[in-house]
Amino acid sequence: MNQRYASGAILTDGQTPPAPNADMQLYYQPTTFPGARLPHVWLYDRQGGKHSSLDLTGKGRFTLLTGIGGEGWIAAAEQVAAELGLPIHCVKIGPRCAYEDHMGDWARAREVTDAGCVLVRPDHHVAWRSPTASTDPRAELTRALRAVLGR
């Protein structure tokens, strides 16, 4: 619970970690701050199936989570995956997307806008995040992955 760490396998871009709002030994504080374990929230597919955010990530690959304004991040992830020879699974969460957040749990936990993104490592820890859209998502995602991978 509340596992967070700093290492070369995450990129924070100088962001300040969220301050605990209670005793972190006793109370869960979900966050997508780089180094934290991805929060579990329930998401729903178009057929009404219920999926944990953790089930959409992992499986030996990086996952890029974004919202209804994240098309640029998805296109960038496809390009960067091909360049680096690295599978990146993209998940778009929002109204009329592959996954929907009916209860608003993801919107509260993600700490980025619908146009931002969260990059999750295969071990379910957040590698990097961008709070908003980017003018050059390909360059930002490439920089983040190269840093995380030590390339």
N, C-alpha and C. Protein backbone atom coordinates (compact mmCIF):
# COMPACT_ATOMS: atom_id res chain seq x y z
N MET A 1 0.85 -1.17 0.00
CA MET A 1 0.00 0.00 0.00
C MET A 1 0.90 1.23 0.00
N ASN A 2 0.58 2.18 -0.88
CA ASN A 2 1.32 3.44 -0.98
C ASN A 2 2.79 3.26 -1.34
N GLN A 3 3.10 2.21 -2.09
CA GLN A 3 4.48 1.99 -2.49
C GLN A 3 4.90 3.09 -3.47
N ARG A 4 6.00 3.74 -3.17
CA ARG A 4 6.59 4.75 -4.05
C ARG A 4 8.10 4.66 -3.92
N TYR A 5 8.78 4.88 -5.00
CA TYR A 5 10.22 4.90 -4.91
C TYR A 5 10.81 5.77 -6.00
N ALA A 6 12.05 6.13 -5.83
CA ALA A 6 12.78 6.91 -6.82
C ALA A 6 13.88 6.03 -7.40
N SER A 7 14.05 6.08 -8.71
CA SER A 7 15.12 5.33 -9.36
C SER A 7 15.30 5.88 -10.77
N GLY A 8 16.27 5.35 -11.47
CA GLY A 8 16.47 5.74 -12.86
C GLY A 8 15.40 5.18 -13.78
N ALA A 9 14.58 4.27 -13.28
CA ALA A 9 13.53 3.66 -14.09
C ALA A 9 12.21 4.42 -14.01
N ILE A 10 12.27 5.63 -13.47
CA ILE A 10 11.12 6.54 -13.48
C ILE A 10 11.61 7.93 -13.82
N LEU A 11 10.72 8.77 -14.29
CA LEU A 11 11.08 10.14 -14.67
C LEU A 11 10.03 11.08 -14.10
N THR A 12 10.46 11.97 -13.20
CA THR A 12 9.51 12.86 -12.55
C THR A 12 9.49 14.27 -13.13
N ASP A 13 10.48 14.65 -13.91
CA ASP A 13 10.56 16.00 -14.46
C ASP A 13 10.51 17.07 -13.37
N GLY A 14 11.05 16.75 -12.21
CA GLY A 14 11.13 17.73 -11.13
C GLY A 14 9.83 17.99 -10.39
N GLN A 15 8.81 17.20 -10.65
CA GLN A 15 7.54 17.37 -9.96
C GLN A 15 7.73 17.04 -8.48
N THR A 16 6.92 17.65 -7.64
CA THR A 16 6.97 17.39 -6.21
C THR A 16 6.01 16.25 -5.88
N PRO A 17 6.47 15.25 -5.12
CA PRO A 17 5.56 14.15 -4.75
C PRO A 17 4.40 14.68 -3.92
N PRO A 18 3.23 14.06 -4.05
CA PRO A 18 2.09 14.51 -3.25
C PRO A 18 2.35 14.28 -1.77
N ALA A 19 1.98 15.25 -0.96
CA ALA A 19 2.14 15.11 0.49
C ALA A 19 1.10 14.15 1.02
N PRO A 20 1.47 13.36 2.01
CA PRO A 20 0.47 12.46 2.59
C PRO A 20 -0.67 13.24 3.23
N ASN A 21 -1.89 12.78 3.02
CA ASN A 21 -3.02 13.46 3.64
C ASN A 21 -3.47 12.74 4.90
N ALA A 22 -2.77 11.67 5.27
CA ALA A 22 -3.05 10.92 6.50
C ALA A 22 -1.86 10.00 6.74
N ASP A 23 -1.94 9.18 7.74
CA ASP A 23 -0.89 8.21 8.03
C ASP A 23 -0.81 7.21 6.89
N MET A 24 0.30 7.23 6.14
CA MET A 24 0.43 6.36 4.96
C MET A 24 0.56 4.89 5.32
N GLN A 25 0.81 4.59 6.59
CA GLN A 25 0.83 3.20 7.03
C GLN A 25 -0.58 2.64 7.18
N LEU A 26 -1.54 3.54 7.41
CA LEU A 26 -2.91 3.10 7.69
C LEU A 26 -3.90 3.41 6.58
N TYR A 27 -3.65 4.45 5.79
CA TYR A 27 -4.63 4.92 4.82
C TYR A 27 -4.04 4.93 3.41
N TYR A 28 -4.79 4.37 2.49
CA TYR A 28 -4.38 4.34 1.09
C TYR A 28 -4.56 5.70 0.45
N GLN A 29 -3.54 6.17 -0.25
CA GLN A 29 -3.59 7.44 -0.97
C GLN A 29 -3.22 7.17 -2.43
N PRO A 30 -4.23 6.97 -3.28
CA PRO A 30 -3.93 6.68 -4.69
C PRO A 30 -3.27 7.88 -5.37
N THR A 31 -2.28 7.58 -6.21
CA THR A 31 -1.59 8.62 -6.97
C THR A 31 -0.97 8.02 -8.22
N THR A 32 -0.83 8.85 -9.23
CA THR A 32 -0.10 8.44 -10.43
C THR A 32 1.26 9.13 -10.48
N PHE A 33 1.74 9.59 -9.35
CA PHE A 33 3.07 10.20 -9.31
C PHE A 33 4.10 9.16 -9.74
N PRO A 34 5.03 9.51 -10.62
CA PRO A 34 6.03 8.54 -11.07
C PRO A 34 6.74 7.87 -9.90
N GLY A 35 6.80 6.54 -9.97
CA GLY A 35 7.37 5.73 -8.91
C GLY A 35 6.31 5.05 -8.06
N ALA A 36 5.08 5.54 -8.13
CA ALA A 36 3.99 4.93 -7.37
C ALA A 36 3.38 3.78 -8.16
N ARG A 37 2.77 2.87 -7.44
CA ARG A 37 2.03 1.80 -8.10
C ARG A 37 0.73 2.40 -8.64
N LEU A 38 0.37 2.01 -9.85
CA LEU A 38 -0.85 2.52 -10.48
C LEU A 38 -2.05 2.23 -9.59
N PRO A 39 -2.91 3.22 -9.35
CA PRO A 39 -4.10 2.97 -8.53
C PRO A 39 -5.08 2.02 -9.23
N HIS A 40 -5.72 1.20 -8.43
CA HIS A 40 -6.79 0.35 -8.95
C HIS A 40 -8.07 1.17 -8.99
N VAL A 41 -8.72 1.17 -10.14
CA VAL A 41 -10.08 1.71 -10.27
C VAL A 41 -10.83 0.79 -11.22
N TRP A 42 -12.15 0.77 -11.11
CA TRP A 42 -12.96 -0.02 -12.02
C TRP A 42 -13.30 0.81 -13.25
N LEU A 43 -13.09 0.20 -14.41
CA LEU A 43 -13.43 0.81 -15.70
C LEU A 43 -14.33 -0.16 -16.45
N TYR A 44 -15.10 0.35 -17.39
CA TYR A 44 -16.09 -0.47 -18.09
C TYR A 44 -15.86 -0.40 -19.60
N ASP A 45 -15.91 -1.57 -20.24
CA ASP A 45 -15.78 -1.58 -21.70
C ASP A 45 -17.13 -1.28 -22.34
N ARG A 46 -17.16 -1.19 -23.65
CA ARG A 46 -18.37 -0.80 -24.38
C ARG A 46 -19.50 -1.82 -24.24
N GLN A 47 -19.15 -3.07 -23.89
CA GLN A 47 -20.16 -4.11 -23.72
C GLN A 47 -20.63 -4.20 -22.26
N GLY A 48 -20.13 -3.32 -21.40
CA GLY A 48 -20.53 -3.33 -20.00
C GLY A 48 -19.63 -4.16 -19.10
N GLY A 49 -18.57 -4.76 -19.65
CA GLY A 49 -17.64 -5.55 -18.84
C GLY A 49 -16.85 -4.67 -17.90
N LYS A 50 -16.60 -5.18 -16.73
CA LYS A 50 -15.90 -4.45 -15.67
C LYS A 50 -14.44 -4.88 -15.64
N HIS A 51 -13.51 -3.90 -15.65
CA HIS A 51 -12.08 -4.18 -15.69
C HIS A 51 -11.34 -3.31 -14.69
N SER A 52 -10.38 -3.90 -14.00
CA SER A 52 -9.51 -3.12 -13.12
C SER A 52 -8.48 -2.39 -13.98
N SER A 53 -8.12 -1.19 -13.57
CA SER A 53 -7.05 -0.47 -14.27
C SER A 53 -5.77 -1.31 -14.28
N LEU A 54 -5.56 -2.11 -13.25
CA LEU A 54 -4.37 -2.96 -13.18
C LEU A 54 -4.42 -4.08 -14.21
N ASP A 55 -5.62 -4.54 -14.56
CA ASP A 55 -5.74 -5.59 -15.57
C ASP A 55 -5.49 -5.06 -16.98
N LEU A 56 -5.59 -3.77 -17.17
CA LEU A 56 -5.35 -3.17 -18.48
C LEU A 56 -3.88 -2.87 -18.70
N THR A 57 -3.08 -3.00 -17.66
CA THR A 57 -1.65 -2.69 -17.73
C THR A 57 -0.85 -3.95 -17.41
N GLY A 58 0.47 -3.83 -17.48
CA GLY A 58 1.34 -4.97 -17.20
C GLY A 58 1.45 -5.88 -18.39
N LYS A 59 1.46 -7.17 -18.15
CA LYS A 59 1.54 -8.20 -19.21
C LYS A 59 2.80 -8.07 -20.06
N GLY A 60 3.92 -7.65 -19.43
CA GLY A 60 5.19 -7.60 -20.13
C GLY A 60 5.36 -6.43 -21.07
N ARG A 61 4.56 -5.40 -20.92
CA ARG A 61 4.66 -4.26 -21.84
C ARG A 61 4.36 -2.95 -21.10
N PHE A 62 4.82 -1.87 -21.68
CA PHE A 62 4.46 -0.55 -21.18
C PHE A 62 3.03 -0.25 -21.63
N THR A 63 2.32 0.54 -20.85
CA THR A 63 0.97 0.95 -21.20
C THR A 63 0.87 2.45 -21.08
N LEU A 64 0.27 3.07 -22.07
CA LEU A 64 0.01 4.50 -22.05
C LEU A 64 -1.48 4.71 -21.84
N LEU A 65 -1.83 5.34 -20.73
CA LEU A 65 -3.23 5.64 -20.41
C LEU A 65 -3.49 7.10 -20.73
N THR A 66 -4.54 7.37 -21.46
CA THR A 66 -4.90 8.74 -21.80
C THR A 66 -6.42 8.86 -21.87
N GLY A 67 -6.88 10.09 -22.10
CA GLY A 67 -8.31 10.34 -22.14
C GLY A 67 -8.78 10.79 -23.50
N ILE A 68 -9.96 11.41 -23.53
CA ILE A 68 -10.58 11.78 -24.79
C ILE A 68 -9.79 12.80 -25.60
N GLY A 69 -8.88 13.51 -24.98
CA GLY A 69 -8.06 14.47 -25.71
C GLY A 69 -6.66 13.96 -25.99
N GLY A 70 -6.43 12.65 -25.82
CA GLY A 70 -5.09 12.10 -25.91
C GLY A 70 -4.70 11.45 -27.22
N GLU A 71 -5.36 11.82 -28.32
CA GLU A 71 -5.03 11.20 -29.61
C GLU A 71 -3.57 11.40 -29.99
N GLY A 72 -3.03 12.57 -29.68
CA GLY A 72 -1.62 12.85 -30.00
C GLY A 72 -0.67 11.90 -29.28
N TRP A 73 -0.99 11.57 -28.04
CA TRP A 73 -0.17 10.64 -27.27
C TRP A 73 -0.24 9.24 -27.87
N ILE A 74 -1.41 8.83 -28.32
CA ILE A 74 -1.56 7.50 -28.90
C ILE A 74 -0.78 7.39 -30.20
N ALA A 75 -0.89 8.39 -31.05
CA ALA A 75 -0.13 8.39 -32.31
C ALA A 75 1.37 8.38 -32.02
N ALA A 76 1.79 9.15 -31.03
CA ALA A 76 3.21 9.20 -30.66
C ALA A 76 3.67 7.84 -30.14
N ALA A 77 2.84 7.19 -29.33
CA ALA A 77 3.21 5.89 -28.77
C ALA A 77 3.42 4.86 -29.87
N GLU A 78 2.58 4.89 -30.88
CA GLU A 78 2.73 3.95 -32.00
C GLU A 78 4.06 4.18 -32.72
N GLN A 79 4.43 5.45 -32.94
CA GLN A 79 5.69 5.77 -33.61
C GLN A 79 6.89 5.39 -32.75
N VAL A 80 6.83 5.75 -31.47
CA VAL A 80 7.95 5.48 -30.57
C VAL A 80 8.13 3.97 -30.37
N ALA A 81 7.04 3.23 -30.28
CA ALA A 81 7.13 1.78 -30.14
C ALA A 81 7.87 1.17 -31.33
N ALA A 82 7.55 1.64 -32.52
CA ALA A 82 8.23 1.13 -33.72
C ALA A 82 9.71 1.51 -33.71
N GLU A 83 10.01 2.75 -33.34
CA GLU A 83 11.41 3.21 -33.31
C GLU A 83 12.25 2.45 -32.29
N LEU A 84 11.70 2.21 -31.11
CA LEU A 84 12.46 1.58 -30.04
C LEU A 84 12.32 0.06 -30.01
N GLY A 85 11.45 -0.49 -30.87
CA GLY A 85 11.23 -1.93 -30.88
C GLY A 85 10.65 -2.41 -29.55
N LEU A 86 9.69 -1.66 -29.06
CA LEU A 86 9.15 -1.86 -27.72
C LEU A 86 7.63 -1.83 -27.77
N PRO A 87 6.96 -2.88 -27.32
CA PRO A 87 5.49 -2.82 -27.34
C PRO A 87 4.95 -1.81 -26.33
N ILE A 88 4.06 -0.94 -26.79
CA ILE A 88 3.38 0.01 -25.92
C ILE A 88 1.89 -0.16 -26.17
N HIS A 89 1.20 -0.59 -25.15
CA HIS A 89 -0.25 -0.78 -25.22
C HIS A 89 -0.91 0.56 -24.87
N CYS A 90 -1.81 1.03 -25.69
CA CYS A 90 -2.49 2.31 -25.46
C CYS A 90 -3.94 2.06 -25.03
N VAL A 91 -4.35 2.76 -23.98
CA VAL A 91 -5.71 2.64 -23.46
C VAL A 91 -6.28 4.04 -23.35
N LYS A 92 -7.38 4.25 -24.05
CA LYS A 92 -8.08 5.54 -24.01
C LYS A 92 -9.30 5.39 -23.12
N ILE A 93 -9.40 6.25 -22.12
CA ILE A 93 -10.47 6.16 -21.13
C ILE A 93 -11.32 7.42 -21.19
N GLY A 94 -12.61 7.25 -21.40
CA GLY A 94 -13.50 8.40 -21.43
C GLY A 94 -14.81 8.05 -22.12
N PRO A 95 -15.70 9.02 -22.20
CA PRO A 95 -17.00 8.78 -22.86
C PRO A 95 -16.81 8.32 -24.30
N ARG A 96 -17.53 7.27 -24.68
CA ARG A 96 -17.49 6.71 -26.02
C ARG A 96 -16.10 6.21 -26.44
N CYS A 97 -15.25 5.89 -25.47
CA CYS A 97 -13.93 5.30 -25.73
C CYS A 97 -13.99 3.80 -25.44
N ALA A 98 -12.91 3.11 -25.68
CA ALA A 98 -12.88 1.67 -25.41
C ALA A 98 -13.19 1.37 -23.95
N TYR A 99 -12.76 2.24 -23.05
CA TYR A 99 -13.05 2.08 -21.62
C TYR A 99 -13.64 3.38 -21.09
N GLU A 100 -14.66 3.22 -20.23
CA GLU A 100 -15.33 4.39 -19.66
C GLU A 100 -15.21 4.36 -18.14
N ASP A 101 -15.23 5.54 -17.59
CA ASP A 101 -15.06 5.76 -16.15
C ASP A 101 -16.40 6.23 -15.58
N HIS A 102 -17.35 5.31 -15.47
CA HIS A 102 -18.72 5.68 -15.06
C HIS A 102 -18.79 6.38 -13.71
N MET A 103 -17.96 5.99 -12.78
CA MET A 103 -18.04 6.52 -11.42
C MET A 103 -17.10 7.70 -11.18
N GLY A 104 -16.26 8.03 -12.16
CA GLY A 104 -15.32 9.13 -12.00
C GLY A 104 -14.12 8.79 -11.14
N ASP A 105 -13.92 7.50 -10.85
CA ASP A 105 -12.79 7.10 -10.01
C ASP A 105 -11.45 7.35 -10.70
N TRP A 106 -11.37 7.04 -11.99
CA TRP A 106 -10.13 7.28 -12.72
C TRP A 106 -9.87 8.78 -12.83
N ALA A 107 -10.89 9.56 -13.09
CA ALA A 107 -10.73 11.01 -13.19
C ALA A 107 -10.15 11.59 -11.91
N ARG A 108 -10.54 11.04 -10.76
CA ARG A 108 -10.02 11.51 -9.48
C ARG A 108 -8.60 11.01 -9.23
N ALA A 109 -8.30 9.80 -9.64
CA ALA A 109 -7.01 9.18 -9.32
C ALA A 109 -5.90 9.54 -10.30
N ARG A 110 -6.22 9.88 -11.53
CA ARG A 110 -5.19 10.00 -12.58
C ARG A 110 -4.27 11.20 -12.42
N GLU A 111 -4.73 12.29 -11.85
CA GLU A 111 -3.92 13.50 -11.62
C GLU A 111 -3.36 14.12 -12.90
N VAL A 112 -3.97 13.82 -14.03
CA VAL A 112 -3.65 14.47 -15.30
C VAL A 112 -4.98 14.80 -15.98
N THR A 113 -4.96 15.66 -16.97
CA THR A 113 -6.18 16.02 -17.69
C THR A 113 -6.55 14.92 -18.70
N ASP A 114 -7.70 15.09 -19.33
CA ASP A 114 -8.11 14.15 -20.39
C ASP A 114 -7.14 14.15 -21.56
N ALA A 115 -6.38 15.21 -21.73
CA ALA A 115 -5.42 15.31 -22.82
C ALA A 115 -4.01 14.92 -22.38
N GLY A 116 -3.83 14.66 -21.09
CA GLY A 116 -2.54 14.22 -20.57
C GLY A 116 -2.39 12.71 -20.72
N CYS A 117 -1.33 12.16 -20.15
CA CYS A 117 -1.13 10.72 -20.22
C CYS A 117 -0.35 10.23 -19.00
N VAL A 118 -0.49 8.93 -18.76
CA VAL A 118 0.24 8.24 -17.70
C VAL A 118 0.90 7.03 -18.35
N LEU A 119 2.22 6.94 -18.25
CA LEU A 119 2.97 5.82 -18.80
C LEU A 119 3.26 4.83 -17.67
N VAL A 120 2.78 3.61 -17.82
CA VAL A 120 2.88 2.60 -16.78
C VAL A 120 3.86 1.51 -17.22
N ARG A 121 4.77 1.16 -16.34
CA ARG A 121 5.74 0.10 -16.63
C ARG A 121 5.07 -1.27 -16.56
N PRO A 122 5.73 -2.30 -17.06
CA PRO A 122 5.16 -3.65 -17.00
C PRO A 122 4.88 -4.15 -15.58
N ASP A 123 5.53 -3.56 -14.57
CA ASP A 123 5.33 -3.99 -13.18
C ASP A 123 4.25 -3.16 -12.47
N HIS A 124 3.46 -2.42 -13.22
CA HIS A 124 2.34 -1.61 -12.71
C HIS A 124 2.78 -0.35 -11.97
N HIS A 125 4.02 0.02 -12.04
CA HIS A 125 4.46 1.28 -11.44
C HIS A 125 4.47 2.36 -12.52
N VAL A 126 4.12 3.56 -12.13
CA VAL A 126 4.09 4.68 -13.07
C VAL A 126 5.52 5.06 -13.40
N ALA A 127 5.84 5.08 -14.69
CA ALA A 127 7.17 5.45 -15.15
C ALA A 127 7.30 6.95 -15.35
N TRP A 128 6.22 7.56 -15.86
CA TRP A 128 6.25 8.97 -16.23
C TRP A 128 4.82 9.41 -16.50
N ARG A 129 4.59 10.69 -16.43
CA ARG A 129 3.27 11.21 -16.79
C ARG A 129 3.41 12.63 -17.32
N SER A 130 2.46 13.01 -18.12
CA SER A 130 2.38 14.38 -18.63
C SER A 130 0.99 14.88 -18.26
N PRO A 131 0.92 15.97 -17.51
CA PRO A 131 -0.38 16.44 -17.03
C PRO A 131 -1.32 16.95 -18.11
N THR A 132 -0.79 17.37 -19.25
CA THR A 132 -1.62 17.95 -20.31
C THR A 132 -1.14 17.47 -21.68
N ALA A 133 -1.80 17.95 -22.71
CA ALA A 133 -1.38 17.66 -24.08
C ALA A 133 -0.01 18.30 -24.32
N SER A 134 0.65 17.86 -25.35
CA SER A 134 1.98 18.37 -25.68
C SER A 134 1.99 18.88 -27.11
N THR A 135 2.84 19.86 -27.37
CA THR A 135 3.02 20.33 -28.74
C THR A 135 3.86 19.32 -29.54
N ASP A 136 4.64 18.50 -28.84
CA ASP A 136 5.45 17.47 -29.49
C ASP A 136 5.43 16.19 -28.65
N PRO A 137 4.31 15.47 -28.67
CA PRO A 137 4.20 14.27 -27.83
C PRO A 137 5.21 13.19 -28.18
N ARG A 138 5.57 13.08 -29.45
CA ARG A 138 6.55 12.06 -29.85
C ARG A 138 7.90 12.31 -29.19
N ALA A 139 8.36 13.56 -29.19
CA ALA A 139 9.65 13.89 -28.58
C ALA A 139 9.60 13.66 -27.07
N GLU A 140 8.51 14.07 -26.44
CA GLU A 140 8.40 13.90 -24.98
C GLU A 140 8.36 12.43 -24.59
N LEU A 141 7.57 11.65 -25.30
CA LEU A 141 7.46 10.22 -24.99
C LEU A 141 8.78 9.50 -25.27
N THR A 142 9.45 9.86 -26.34
CA THR A 142 10.76 9.27 -26.66
C THR A 142 11.75 9.59 -25.55
N ARG A 143 11.80 10.85 -25.13
CA ARG A 143 12.71 11.26 -24.06
C ARG A 143 12.41 10.49 -22.78
N ALA A 144 11.15 10.37 -22.44
CA ALA A 144 10.76 9.68 -21.21
C ALA A 144 11.16 8.20 -21.27
N LEU A 145 10.82 7.53 -22.35
CA LEU A 145 11.14 6.10 -22.46
C LEU A 145 12.64 5.86 -22.50
N ARG A 146 13.37 6.69 -23.20
CA ARG A 146 14.84 6.52 -23.24
C ARG A 146 15.43 6.68 -21.84
N ALA A 147 14.93 7.64 -21.07
CA ALA A 147 15.41 7.85 -19.71
C ALA A 147 15.06 6.65 -18.83
N VAL A 148 13.83 6.19 -18.92
CA VAL A 148 13.36 5.07 -18.09
C VAL A 148 14.11 3.79 -18.43
N LEU A 149 14.39 3.60 -19.72
CA LEU A 149 15.08 2.38 -20.16
C LEU A 149 16.59 2.49 -20.08
N GLY A 150 17.10 3.67 -19.77
CA GLY A 150 18.54 3.87 -19.69
C GLY A 150 19.23 3.82 -21.04
N ARG A 151 18.54 4.28 -22.07
CA ARG A 151 19.09 4.26 -23.44
C ARG A 151 19.60 5.63 -23.84
